[in-house]
Amino acid sequence: MSSDPGHYVVFVELNAAAADASADALQGCCDELDRAFADPGYVGSRRSRAIGPLELRVLQRGTFHRVLRHYLSLGAPVSQFKSPRCVARSNAGVLQILAACTAKAFFSAAYD
């Protein structure tokens, strides 16, 4: 929601085998991920530009481990930890980690 119109941002951390994926391959993944949101409301909003292009952010290796350590530092038990599926703007600590560890970003061209 920091841009107008708002858009979805998907954070991924690639394993060692995929870490050297080409920019073209990652752009293709971004486009396909955007197309995978098949809900008619989403598709209509993307086509009318009410929702901006999906953004795929490729993270440095170890980023999600840093997120885990952040939650543990706040007192969360490791046995109950699950990586968050949605990070609200109010969760500034996690958003700072994700932003600082972004290695590459791609915007979908699926509905251009």
PDB file of N, CA and C in Angstrom:
ATOM      1  N   MET A   1       0.819  -1.201   0.000  1.00  0.00           N
ATOM      2  CA  MET A   1       0.000   0.000   0.000  1.00  0.00           C
ATOM      3  C   MET A   1       0.853   1.251   0.000  1.00  0.00           C
ATOM      4  N   SER A   2       2.153   1.100  -0.205  1.00  0.00           N
ATOM      5  CA  SER A   2       3.012   2.272  -0.247  1.00  0.00           C
ATOM      6  C   SER A   2       3.051   2.886  -1.640  1.00  0.00           C
ATOM      7  N   SER A   3       2.343   2.276  -2.588  1.00  0.00           N
ATOM      8  CA  SER A   3       2.275   2.824  -3.932  1.00  0.00           C
ATOM      9  C   SER A   3       0.811   2.952  -4.334  1.00  0.00           C
ATOM     10  N   ASP A   4       0.564   3.746  -5.349  1.00  0.00           N
ATOM     11  CA  ASP A   4      -0.801   3.943  -5.803  1.00  0.00           C
ATOM     12  C   ASP A   4      -0.884   3.568  -7.261  1.00  0.00           C
ATOM     13  N   PRO A   5      -1.632   2.593  -7.677  1.00  0.00           N
ATOM     14  CA  PRO A   5      -2.476   1.770  -6.819  1.00  0.00           C
ATOM     15  C   PRO A   5      -1.649   0.753  -6.045  1.00  0.00           C
ATOM     16  N   GLY A   6      -2.227   0.224  -4.996  1.00  0.00           N
ATOM     17  CA  GLY A   6      -1.544  -0.796  -4.213  1.00  0.00           C
ATOM     18  C   GLY A   6      -1.325  -2.053  -5.041  1.00  0.00           C
ATOM     19  N   HIS A   7      -0.417  -2.875  -4.594  1.00  0.00           N
ATOM     20  CA  HIS A   7      -0.129  -4.120  -5.304  1.00  0.00           C
ATOM     21  C   HIS A   7       0.379  -5.165  -4.335  1.00  0.00           C
ATOM     22  N   TYR A   8       0.335  -6.418  -4.769  1.00  0.00           N
ATOM     23  CA  TYR A   8       0.850  -7.507  -3.963  1.00  0.00           C
ATOM     24  C   TYR A   8       2.352  -7.622  -4.159  1.00  0.00           C
ATOM     25  N   VAL A   9       3.043  -7.954  -3.062  1.00  0.00           N
ATOM     26  CA  VAL A   9       4.482  -8.199  -3.106  1.00  0.00           C
ATOM     27  C   VAL A   9       4.709  -9.602  -2.557  1.00  0.00           C
ATOM     28  N   VAL A  10       5.378 -10.441  -3.351  1.00  0.00           N
ATOM     29  CA  VAL A  10       5.677 -11.805  -2.951  1.00  0.00           C
ATOM     30  C   VAL A  10       7.185 -11.899  -2.751  1.00  0.00           C
ATOM     31  N   PHE A  11       7.586 -12.368  -1.569  1.00  0.00           N
ATOM     32  CA  PHE A  11       9.002 -12.516  -1.240  1.00  0.00           C
ATOM     33  C   PHE A  11       9.386 -13.981  -1.381  1.00  0.00           C
ATOM     34  N   VAL A  12      10.476 -14.253  -2.098  1.00  0.00           N
ATOM     35  CA  VAL A  12      10.962 -15.619  -2.247  1.00  0.00           C
ATOM     36  C   VAL A  12      12.449 -15.662  -1.928  1.00  0.00           C
ATOM     37  N   GLU A  13      12.835 -16.760  -1.323  1.00  0.00           N
ATOM     38  CA  GLU A  13      14.254 -17.025  -1.067  1.00  0.00           C
ATOM     39  C   GLU A  13      14.581 -18.297  -1.834  1.00  0.00           C
ATOM     40  N   LEU A  14      15.475 -18.190  -2.785  1.00  0.00           N
ATOM     41  CA  LEU A  14      15.802 -19.318  -3.650  1.00  0.00           C
ATOM     42  C   LEU A  14      16.833 -20.216  -3.001  1.00  0.00           C
ATOM     43  N   ASN A  15      16.737 -21.525  -3.296  1.00  0.00           N
ATOM     44  CA  ASN A  15      17.758 -22.437  -2.793  1.00  0.00           C
ATOM     45  C   ASN A  15      19.024 -22.279  -3.641  1.00  0.00           C
ATOM     46  N   ALA A  16      20.079 -22.944  -3.250  1.00  0.00           N
ATOM     47  CA  ALA A  16      21.378 -22.783  -3.924  1.00  0.00           C
ATOM     48  C   ALA A  16      21.290 -23.134  -5.404  1.00  0.00           C
ATOM     49  N   ALA A  17      20.512 -24.138  -5.761  1.00  0.00           N
ATOM     50  CA  ALA A  17      20.414 -24.567  -7.158  1.00  0.00           C
ATOM     51  C   ALA A  17      19.725 -23.517  -8.024  1.00  0.00           C
ATOM     52  N   ALA A  18      18.794 -22.790  -7.458  1.00  0.00           N
ATOM     53  CA  ALA A  18      18.043 -21.798  -8.227  1.00  0.00           C
ATOM     54  C   ALA A  18      18.567 -20.378  -8.059  1.00  0.00           C
ATOM     55  N   ALA A  19      19.541 -20.202  -7.190  1.00  0.00           N
ATOM     56  CA  ALA A  19      20.019 -18.862  -6.863  1.00  0.00           C
ATOM     57  C   ALA A  19      20.579 -18.118  -8.067  1.00  0.00           C
ATOM     58  N   ASP A  20      21.060 -18.845  -9.051  1.00  0.00           N
ATOM     59  CA  ASP A  20      21.627 -18.205 -10.233  1.00  0.00           C
ATOM     60  C   ASP A  20      20.641 -18.144 -11.389  1.00  0.00           C
ATOM     61  N   ALA A  21      19.349 -18.194 -11.104  1.00  0.00           N
ATOM     62  CA  ALA A  21      18.336 -18.131 -12.151  1.00  0.00           C
ATOM     63  C   ALA A  21      18.473 -16.823 -12.916  1.00  0.00           C
ATOM     64  N   SER A  22      18.246 -16.894 -14.209  1.00  0.00           N
ATOM     65  CA  SER A  22      18.375 -15.702 -15.043  1.00  0.00           C
ATOM     66  C   SER A  22      17.246 -14.721 -14.761  1.00  0.00           C
ATOM     67  N   ALA A  23      17.489 -13.485 -15.090  1.00  0.00           N
ATOM     68  CA  ALA A  23      16.472 -12.455 -14.917  1.00  0.00           C
ATOM     69  C   ALA A  23      15.243 -12.782 -15.760  1.00  0.00           C
ATOM     70  N   ASP A  24      15.450 -13.337 -16.960  1.00  0.00           N
ATOM     71  CA  ASP A  24      14.310 -13.707 -17.810  1.00  0.00           C
ATOM     72  C   ASP A  24      13.461 -14.787 -17.153  1.00  0.00           C
ATOM     73  N   ALA A  25      14.112 -15.775 -16.547  1.00  0.00           N
ATOM     74  CA  ALA A  25      13.379 -16.852 -15.877  1.00  0.00           C
ATOM     75  C   ALA A  25      12.593 -16.307 -14.692  1.00  0.00           C
ATOM     76  N   LEU A  26      13.199 -15.412 -13.922  1.00  0.00           N
ATOM     77  CA  LEU A  26      12.511 -14.843 -12.762  1.00  0.00           C
ATOM     78  C   LEU A  26      11.370 -13.926 -13.202  1.00  0.00           C
ATOM     79  N   GLN A  27      11.560 -13.192 -14.291  1.00  0.00           N
ATOM     80  CA  GLN A  27      10.470 -12.368 -14.817  1.00  0.00           C
ATOM     81  C   GLN A  27       9.316 -13.246 -15.265  1.00  0.00           C
ATOM     82  N   GLY A  28       9.629 -14.368 -15.906  1.00  0.00           N
ATOM     83  CA  GLY A  28       8.586 -15.313 -16.302  1.00  0.00           C
ATOM     84  C   GLY A  28       7.841 -15.874 -15.108  1.00  0.00           C
ATOM     85  N   CYS A  29       8.569 -16.181 -14.037  1.00  0.00           N
ATOM     86  CA  CYS A  29       7.935 -16.659 -12.799  1.00  0.00           C
ATOM     87  C   CYS A  29       7.002 -15.602 -12.227  1.00  0.00           C
ATOM     88  N   CYS A  30       7.444 -14.360 -12.253  1.00  0.00           N
ATOM     89  CA  CYS A  30       6.625 -13.258 -11.740  1.00  0.00           C
ATOM     90  C   CYS A  30       5.330 -13.139 -12.537  1.00  0.00           C
ATOM     91  N   ASP A  31       5.435 -13.192 -13.860  1.00  0.00           N
ATOM     92  CA  ASP A  31       4.252 -13.096 -14.711  1.00  0.00           C
ATOM     93  C   ASP A  31       3.294 -14.261 -14.468  1.00  0.00           C
ATOM     94  N   GLU A  32       3.844 -15.471 -14.364  1.00  0.00           N
ATOM     95  CA  GLU A  32       3.005 -16.652 -14.137  1.00  0.00           C
ATOM     96  C   GLU A  32       2.343 -16.618 -12.761  1.00  0.00           C
ATOM     97  N   LEU A  33       3.060 -16.142 -11.776  1.00  0.00           N
ATOM     98  CA  LEU A  33       2.491 -16.025 -10.433  1.00  0.00           C
ATOM     99  C   LEU A  33       1.314 -15.055 -10.455  1.00  0.00           C
ATOM    100  N   ASP A  34       1.467 -13.950 -11.167  1.00  0.00           N
ATOM    101  CA  ASP A  34       0.387 -12.973 -11.273  1.00  0.00           C
ATOM    102  C   ASP A  34      -0.825 -13.600 -11.961  1.00  0.00           C
ATOM    103  N   ARG A  35      -0.594 -14.351 -13.019  1.00  0.00           N
ATOM    104  CA  ARG A  35      -1.690 -15.011 -13.729  1.00  0.00           C
ATOM    105  C   ARG A  35      -2.348 -16.104 -12.874  1.00  0.00           C
ATOM    106  N   ALA A  36      -1.627 -16.646 -11.916  1.00  0.00           N
ATOM    107  CA  ALA A  36      -2.146 -17.726 -11.068  1.00  0.00           C
ATOM    108  C   ALA A  36      -3.226 -17.236 -10.104  1.00  0.00           C
ATOM    109  N   PHE A  37      -3.266 -15.942  -9.835  1.00  0.00           N
ATOM    110  CA  PHE A  37      -4.344 -15.386  -9.022  1.00  0.00           C
ATOM    111  C   PHE A  37      -5.569 -15.291  -9.929  1.00  0.00           C
ATOM    112  N   ALA A  38      -6.330 -16.364  -9.991  1.00  0.00           N
ATOM    113  CA  ALA A  38      -7.408 -16.493 -10.970  1.00  0.00           C
ATOM    114  C   ALA A  38      -8.753 -15.960 -10.472  1.00  0.00           C
ATOM    115  N   ASP A  39      -8.801 -15.426  -9.273  1.00  0.00           N
ATOM    116  CA  ASP A  39     -10.042 -14.876  -8.752  1.00  0.00           C
ATOM    117  C   ASP A  39     -10.539 -13.777  -9.692  1.00  0.00           C
ATOM    118  N   PRO A  40     -11.811 -13.826 -10.114  1.00  0.00           N
ATOM    119  CA  PRO A  40     -12.323 -12.821 -11.050  1.00  0.00           C
ATOM    120  C   PRO A  40     -12.167 -11.382 -10.554  1.00  0.00           C
ATOM    121  N   GLY A  41     -12.306 -11.185  -9.255  1.00  0.00           N
ATOM    122  CA  GLY A  41     -12.132  -9.840  -8.703  1.00  0.00           C
ATOM    123  C   GLY A  41     -10.712  -9.329  -8.883  1.00  0.00           C
ATOM    124  N   TYR A  42      -9.733 -10.217  -8.659  1.00  0.00           N
ATOM    125  CA  TYR A  42      -8.332  -9.834  -8.834  1.00  0.00           C
ATOM    126  C   TYR A  42      -8.035  -9.558 -10.303  1.00  0.00           C
ATOM    127  N   VAL A  43      -8.452 -10.473 -11.166  1.00  0.00           N
ATOM    128  CA  VAL A  43      -8.175 -10.320 -12.594  1.00  0.00           C
ATOM    129  C   VAL A  43      -8.796  -9.030 -13.123  1.00  0.00           C
ATOM    130  N   GLY A  44     -10.047  -8.786 -12.756  1.00  0.00           N
ATOM    131  CA  GLY A  44     -10.706  -7.555 -13.193  1.00  0.00           C
ATOM    132  C   GLY A  44     -10.011  -6.310 -12.669  1.00  0.00           C
ATOM    133  N   SER A  45      -9.572  -6.368 -11.419  1.00  0.00           N
ATOM    134  CA  SER A  45      -8.871  -5.219 -10.823  1.00  0.00           C
ATOM    135  C   SER A  45      -7.512  -4.993 -11.465  1.00  0.00           C
ATOM    136  N   ARG A  46      -6.840  -6.078 -11.838  1.00  0.00           N
ATOM    137  CA  ARG A  46      -5.545  -5.942 -12.532  1.00  0.00           C
ATOM    138  C   ARG A  46      -5.754  -5.358 -13.926  1.00  0.00           C
ATOM    139  N   ARG A  47      -6.751  -5.843 -14.626  1.00  0.00           N
ATOM    140  CA  ARG A  47      -7.008  -5.349 -15.994  1.00  0.00           C
ATOM    141  C   ARG A  47      -7.429  -3.889 -16.007  1.00  0.00           C
ATOM    142  N   SER A  48      -8.174  -3.481 -14.990  1.00  0.00           N
ATOM    143  CA  SER A  48      -8.603  -2.075 -14.914  1.00  0.00           C
ATOM    144  C   SER A  48      -7.571  -1.193 -14.229  1.00  0.00           C
ATOM    145  N   ARG A  49      -6.481  -1.818 -13.805  1.00  0.00           N
ATOM    146  CA  ARG A  49      -5.377  -1.125 -13.124  1.00  0.00           C
ATOM    147  C   ARG A  49      -5.760  -0.571 -11.747  1.00  0.00           C
ATOM    148  N   ALA A  50      -6.807  -1.163 -11.137  1.00  0.00           N
ATOM    149  CA  ALA A  50      -7.167  -0.800  -9.768  1.00  0.00           C
ATOM    150  C   ALA A  50      -6.169  -1.409  -8.786  1.00  0.00           C
ATOM    151  N   ILE A  51      -5.546  -2.528  -9.187  1.00  0.00           N
ATOM    152  CA  ILE A  51      -4.451  -3.146  -8.448  1.00  0.00           C
ATOM    153  C   ILE A  51      -3.237  -3.096  -9.363  1.00  0.00           C
ATOM    154  N   GLY A  52      -2.111  -2.662  -8.828  1.00  0.00           N
ATOM    155  CA  GLY A  52      -0.888  -2.565  -9.615  1.00  0.00           C
ATOM    156  C   GLY A  52      -0.272  -3.925  -9.885  1.00  0.00           C
ATOM    157  N   PRO A  53       0.767  -3.949 -10.737  1.00  0.00           N
ATOM    158  CA  PRO A  53       1.423  -5.211 -11.078  1.00  0.00           C
ATOM    159  C   PRO A  53       2.001  -5.904  -9.845  1.00  0.00           C
ATOM    160  N   LEU A  54       1.841  -7.218  -9.821  1.00  0.00           N
ATOM    161  CA  LEU A  54       2.431  -8.022  -8.752  1.00  0.00           C
ATOM    162  C   LEU A  54       3.946  -7.807  -8.756  1.00  0.00           C
ATOM    163  N   GLU A  55       4.536  -7.730  -7.589  1.00  0.00           N
ATOM    164  CA  GLU A  55       5.977  -7.562  -7.458  1.00  0.00           C
ATOM    165  C   GLU A  55       6.565  -8.820  -6.833  1.00  0.00           C
ATOM    166  N   LEU A  56       7.577  -9.361  -7.469  1.00  0.00           N
ATOM    167  CA  LEU A  56       8.301 -10.519  -6.953  1.00  0.00           C
ATOM    168  C   LEU A  56       9.658 -10.035  -6.465  1.00  0.00           C
ATOM    169  N   ARG A  57       9.929 -10.242  -5.185  1.00  0.00           N
ATOM    170  CA  ARG A  57      11.223  -9.852  -4.622  1.00  0.00           C
ATOM    171  C   ARG A  57      12.010 -11.094  -4.259  1.00  0.00           C
ATOM    172  N   VAL A  58      13.191 -11.202  -4.828  1.00  0.00           N
ATOM    173  CA  VAL A  58      14.088 -12.313  -4.550  1.00  0.00           C
ATOM    174  C   VAL A  58      14.988 -11.890  -3.396  1.00  0.00           C
ATOM    175  N   LEU A  59      14.976 -12.681  -2.343  1.00  0.00           N
ATOM    176  CA  LEU A  59      15.714 -12.352  -1.125  1.00  0.00           C
ATOM    177  C   LEU A  59      17.073 -13.042  -1.084  1.00  0.00           C
ATOM    178  N   GLN A  60      17.975 -12.456  -0.322  1.00  0.00           N
ATOM    179  CA  GLN A  60      19.272 -13.084  -0.070  1.00  0.00           C
ATOM    180  C   GLN A  60      19.045 -14.351   0.747  1.00  0.00           C
ATOM    181  N   ARG A  61      19.925 -15.331   0.550  1.00  0.00           N
ATOM    182  CA  ARG A  61      19.812 -16.561   1.329  1.00  0.00           C
ATOM    183  C   ARG A  61      19.940 -16.250   2.815  1.00  0.00           C
ATOM    184  N   GLY A  62      19.116 -16.890   3.610  1.00  0.00           N
ATOM    185  CA  GLY A  62      19.140 -16.704   5.059  1.00  0.00           C
ATOM    186  C   GLY A  62      18.173 -15.648   5.569  1.00  0.00           C
ATOM    187  N   THR A  63      17.441 -15.002   4.662  1.00  0.00           N
ATOM    188  CA  THR A  63      16.526 -13.936   5.087  1.00  0.00           C
ATOM    189  C   THR A  63      15.420 -14.462   5.993  1.00  0.00           C
ATOM    190  N   PHE A  64      14.814 -15.579   5.618  1.00  0.00           N
ATOM    191  CA  PHE A  64      13.722 -16.092   6.451  1.00  0.00           C
ATOM    192  C   PHE A  64      14.232 -16.584   7.802  1.00  0.00           C
ATOM    193  N   HIS A  65      15.490 -16.975   7.871  1.00  0.00           N
ATOM    194  CA  HIS A  65      16.081 -17.323   9.170  1.00  0.00           C
ATOM    195  C   HIS A  65      16.215 -16.054  10.018  1.00  0.00           C
ATOM    196  N   ARG A  66      16.545 -14.928   9.378  1.00  0.00           N
ATOM    197  CA  ARG A  66      16.598 -13.652  10.110  1.00  0.00           C
ATOM    198  C   ARG A  66      15.218 -13.273  10.625  1.00  0.00           C
ATOM    199  N   VAL A  67      14.180 -13.541   9.823  1.00  0.00           N
ATOM    200  CA  VAL A  67      12.814 -13.265  10.276  1.00  0.00           C
ATOM    201  C   VAL A  67      12.482 -14.129  11.487  1.00  0.00           C
ATOM    202  N   LEU A  68      12.866 -15.405  11.443  1.00  0.00           N
ATOM    203  CA  LEU A  68      12.670 -16.303  12.588  1.00  0.00           C
ATOM    204  C   LEU A  68      13.357 -15.734  13.824  1.00  0.00           C
ATOM    205  N   ARG A  69      14.614 -15.344  13.695  1.00  0.00           N
ATOM    206  CA  ARG A  69      15.345 -14.792  14.844  1.00  0.00           C
ATOM    207  C   ARG A  69      14.664 -13.533  15.374  1.00  0.00           C
ATOM    208  N   HIS A  70      14.099 -12.728  14.489  1.00  0.00           N
ATOM    209  CA  HIS A  70      13.384 -11.526  14.920  1.00  0.00           C
ATOM    210  C   HIS A  70      12.200 -11.911  15.814  1.00  0.00           C
ATOM    211  N   TYR A  71      11.404 -12.871  15.360  1.00  0.00           N
ATOM    212  CA  TYR A  71      10.254 -13.297  16.166  1.00  0.00           C
ATOM    213  C   TYR A  71      10.688 -13.936  17.478  1.00  0.00           C
ATOM    214  N   LEU A  72      11.761 -14.707  17.454  1.00  0.00           N
ATOM    215  CA  LEU A  72      12.266 -15.311  18.687  1.00  0.00           C
ATOM    216  C   LEU A  72      12.710 -14.238  19.668  1.00  0.00           C
ATOM    217  N   SER A  73      13.297 -13.162  19.153  1.00  0.00           N
ATOM    218  CA  SER A  73      13.736 -12.073  20.033  1.00  0.00           C
ATOM    219  C   SER A  73      12.556 -11.373  20.699  1.00  0.00           C
ATOM    220  N   LEU A  74      11.375 -11.509  20.106  1.00  0.00           N
ATOM    221  CA  LEU A  74      10.162 -10.927  20.688  1.00  0.00           C
ATOM    222  C   LEU A  74       9.459 -11.890  21.636  1.00  0.00           C
ATOM    223  N   GLY A  75      10.037 -13.092  21.811  1.00  0.00           N
ATOM    224  CA  GLY A  75       9.487 -14.050  22.759  1.00  0.00           C
ATOM    225  C   GLY A  75       8.662 -15.162  22.149  1.00  0.00           C
ATOM    226  N   ALA A  76       8.591 -15.255  20.830  1.00  0.00           N
ATOM    227  CA  ALA A  76       7.822 -16.332  20.201  1.00  0.00           C
ATOM    228  C   ALA A  76       8.548 -17.660  20.397  1.00  0.00           C
ATOM    229  N   PRO A  77       7.826 -18.733  20.724  1.00  0.00           N
ATOM    230  CA  PRO A  77       8.472 -20.042  20.882  1.00  0.00           C
ATOM    231  C   PRO A  77       8.801 -20.637  19.510  1.00  0.00           C
ATOM    232  N   VAL A  78       9.988 -21.178  19.370  1.00  0.00           N
ATOM    233  CA  VAL A  78      10.422 -21.720  18.085  1.00  0.00           C
ATOM    234  C   VAL A  78       9.514 -22.849  17.616  1.00  0.00           C
ATOM    235  N   SER A  79       8.962 -23.608  18.531  1.00  0.00           N
ATOM    236  CA  SER A  79       8.098 -24.727  18.152  1.00  0.00           C
ATOM    237  C   SER A  79       6.773 -24.267  17.545  1.00  0.00           C
ATOM    238  N   GLN A  80       6.398 -23.028  17.769  1.00  0.00           N
ATOM    239  CA  GLN A  80       5.138 -22.498  17.259  1.00  0.00           C
ATOM    240  C   GLN A  80       5.325 -21.569  16.060  1.00  0.00           C
ATOM    241  N   PHE A  81       6.572 -21.362  15.631  1.00  0.00           N
ATOM    242  CA  PHE A  81       6.839 -20.394  14.569  1.00  0.00           C
ATOM    243  C   PHE A  81       6.440 -20.924  13.199  1.00  0.00           C
ATOM    244  N   LYS A  82       5.773 -20.082  12.431  1.00  0.00           N
ATOM    245  CA  LYS A  82       5.486 -20.320  11.025  1.00  0.00           C
ATOM    246  C   LYS A  82       5.820 -19.026  10.297  1.00  0.00           C
ATOM    247  N   SER A  83       6.473 -19.141   9.159  1.00  0.00           N
ATOM    248  CA  SER A  83       6.754 -17.935   8.380  1.00  0.00           C
ATOM    249  C   SER A  83       5.440 -17.241   8.064  1.00  0.00           C
ATOM    250  N   PRO A  84       5.379 -15.939   8.240  1.00  0.00           N
ATOM    251  CA  PRO A  84       4.117 -15.236   7.996  1.00  0.00           C
ATOM    252  C   PRO A  84       3.739 -15.269   6.514  1.00  0.00           C
ATOM    253  N   ARG A  85       2.474 -15.465   6.239  1.00  0.00           N
ATOM    254  CA  ARG A  85       1.970 -15.434   4.860  1.00  0.00           C
ATOM    255  C   ARG A  85       1.665 -14.012   4.431  1.00  0.00           C
ATOM    256  N   CYS A  86       1.347 -13.188   5.389  1.00  0.00           N
ATOM    257  CA  CYS A  86       1.030 -11.797   5.120  1.00  0.00           C
ATOM    258  C   CYS A  86       1.704 -10.957   6.196  1.00  0.00           C
ATOM    259  N   VAL A  87       2.391  -9.925   5.785  1.00  0.00           N
ATOM    260  CA  VAL A  87       3.073  -9.050   6.739  1.00  0.00           C
ATOM    261  C   VAL A  87       2.417  -7.676   6.661  1.00  0.00           C
ATOM    262  N   ALA A  88       1.787  -7.288   7.752  1.00  0.00           N
ATOM    263  CA  ALA A  88       1.098  -6.000   7.799  1.00  0.00           C
ATOM    264  C   ALA A  88       2.096  -4.857   7.916  1.00  0.00           C
ATOM    265  N   ARG A  89       1.670  -3.690   7.487  1.00  0.00           N
ATOM    266  CA  ARG A  89       2.543  -2.510   7.593  1.00  0.00           C
ATOM    267  C   ARG A  89       2.929  -2.226   9.037  1.00  0.00           C
ATOM    268  N   SER A  90       2.094  -2.665   9.974  1.00  0.00           N
ATOM    269  CA  SER A  90       2.382  -2.438  11.385  1.00  0.00           C
ATOM    270  C   SER A  90       3.549  -3.291  11.881  1.00  0.00           C
ATOM    271  N   ASN A  91       3.952  -4.294  11.108  1.00  0.00           N
ATOM    272  CA  ASN A  91       5.069  -5.157  11.493  1.00  0.00           C
ATOM    273  C   ASN A  91       6.358  -4.631  10.861  1.00  0.00           C
ATOM    274  N   ALA A  92       6.774  -3.463  11.327  1.00  0.00           N
ATOM    275  CA  ALA A  92       7.905  -2.753  10.729  1.00  0.00           C
ATOM    276  C   ALA A  92       9.210  -3.543  10.803  1.00  0.00           C
ATOM    277  N   GLY A  93       9.420  -4.306  11.867  1.00  0.00           N
ATOM    278  CA  GLY A  93      10.662  -5.064  12.017  1.00  0.00           C
ATOM    279  C   GLY A  93      10.862  -6.072  10.902  1.00  0.00           C
ATOM    280  N   VAL A  94       9.817  -6.827  10.604  1.00  0.00           N
ATOM    281  CA  VAL A  94       9.906  -7.831   9.541  1.00  0.00           C
ATOM    282  C   VAL A  94      10.017  -7.145   8.185  1.00  0.00           C
ATOM    283  N   LEU A  95       9.247  -6.091   7.971  1.00  0.00           N
ATOM    284  CA  LEU A  95       9.328  -5.375   6.697  1.00  0.00           C
ATOM    285  C   LEU A  95      10.717  -4.793   6.461  1.00  0.00           C
ATOM    286  N   GLN A  96      11.363  -4.325   7.516  1.00  0.00           N
ATOM    287  CA  GLN A  96      12.732  -3.810   7.381  1.00  0.00           C
ATOM    288  C   GLN A  96      13.692  -4.917   6.989  1.00  0.00           C
ATOM    289  N   ILE A  97      13.551  -6.079   7.587  1.00  0.00           N
ATOM    290  CA  ILE A  97      14.416  -7.214   7.240  1.00  0.00           C
ATOM    291  C   ILE A  97      14.213  -7.586   5.779  1.00  0.00           C
ATOM    292  N   LEU A  98      12.960  -7.711   5.359  1.00  0.00           N
ATOM    293  CA  LEU A  98      12.667  -8.103   3.981  1.00  0.00           C
ATOM    294  C   LEU A  98      13.183  -7.066   2.985  1.00  0.00           C
ATOM    295  N   ALA A  99      13.005  -5.800   3.297  1.00  0.00           N
ATOM    296  CA  ALA A  99      13.471  -4.742   2.392  1.00  0.00           C
ATOM    297  C   ALA A  99      14.994  -4.728   2.312  1.00  0.00           C
ATOM    298  N   ALA A 100      15.654  -4.873   3.459  1.00  0.00           N
ATOM    299  CA  ALA A 100      17.122  -4.826   3.483  1.00  0.00           C
ATOM    300  C   ALA A 100      17.754  -6.020   2.778  1.00  0.00           C
ATOM    301  N   CYS A 101      17.052  -7.124   2.729  1.00  0.00           N
ATOM    302  CA  CYS A 101      17.607  -8.355   2.153  1.00  0.00           C
ATOM    303  C   CYS A 101      17.126  -8.626   0.725  1.00  0.00           C
ATOM    304  N   THR A 102      16.446  -7.682   0.128  1.00  0.00           N
ATOM    305  CA  THR A 102      15.985  -7.859  -1.249  1.00  0.00           C
ATOM    306  C   THR A 102      17.168  -7.750  -2.193  1.00  0.00           C
ATOM    307  N   ALA A 103      17.396  -8.797  -2.973  1.00  0.00           N
ATOM    308  CA  ALA A 103      18.500  -8.809  -3.933  1.00  0.00           C
ATOM    309  C   ALA A 103      18.038  -8.355  -5.315  1.00  0.00           C
ATOM    310  N   LYS A 104      16.829  -8.744  -5.717  1.00  0.00           N
ATOM    311  CA  LYS A 104      16.276  -8.394  -7.020  1.00  0.00           C
ATOM    312  C   LYS A 104      14.778  -8.212  -6.885  1.00  0.00           C
ATOM    313  N   ALA A 105      14.218  -7.376  -7.745  1.00  0.00           N
ATOM    314  CA  ALA A 105      12.764  -7.183  -7.759  1.00  0.00           C
ATOM    315  C   ALA A 105      12.273  -7.201  -9.200  1.00  0.00           C
ATOM    316  N   PHE A 106      11.120  -7.827  -9.395  1.00  0.00           N
ATOM    317  CA  PHE A 106      10.513  -7.932 -10.714  1.00  0.00           C
ATOM    318  C   PHE A 106       9.049  -7.541 -10.597  1.00  0.00           C
ATOM    319  N   PHE A 107       8.548  -6.847 -11.622  1.00  0.00           N
ATOM    320  CA  PHE A 107       7.136  -6.472 -11.681  1.00  0.00           C
ATOM    321  C   PHE A 107       6.490  -7.213 -12.836  1.00  0.00           C
ATOM    322  N   SER A 108       5.302  -7.741 -12.577  1.00  0.00           N
ATOM    323  CA  SER A 108       4.604  -8.525 -13.588  1.00  0.00           C
ATOM    324  C   SER A 108       4.207  -7.662 -14.783  1.00  0.00           C
ATOM    325  N   ALA A 109       4.318  -8.247 -15.936  1.00  0.00           N
ATOM    326  CA  ALA A 109       3.842  -7.639 -17.183  1.00  0.00           C
ATOM    327  C   ALA A 109       2.693  -8.471 -17.735  1.00  0.00           C
ATOM    328  N   ALA A 110       2.089  -9.308 -16.896  1.00  0.00           N
ATOM    329  CA  ALA A 110       1.064 -10.254 -17.343  1.00  0.00           C
ATOM    330  C   ALA A 110      -0.179  -9.557 -17.881  1.00  0.00           C
ATOM    331  N   TYR A 111      -0.495  -8.385 -17.406  1.00  0.00           N
ATOM    332  CA  TYR A 111      -1.726  -7.711 -17.833  1.00  0.00           C
ATOM    333  C   TYR A 111      -1.438  -6.412 -18.567  1.00  0.00           C
ATOM    334  N   ASP A 112      -0.244  -6.284 -19.117  1.00  0.00           N
ATOM    335  CA  ASP A 112       0.110  -5.069 -19.876  1.00  0.00           C
ATOM    336  C   ASP A 112      -0.451  -5.124 -21.277  1.00  0.00           C
TER     337      ASP A 112
END
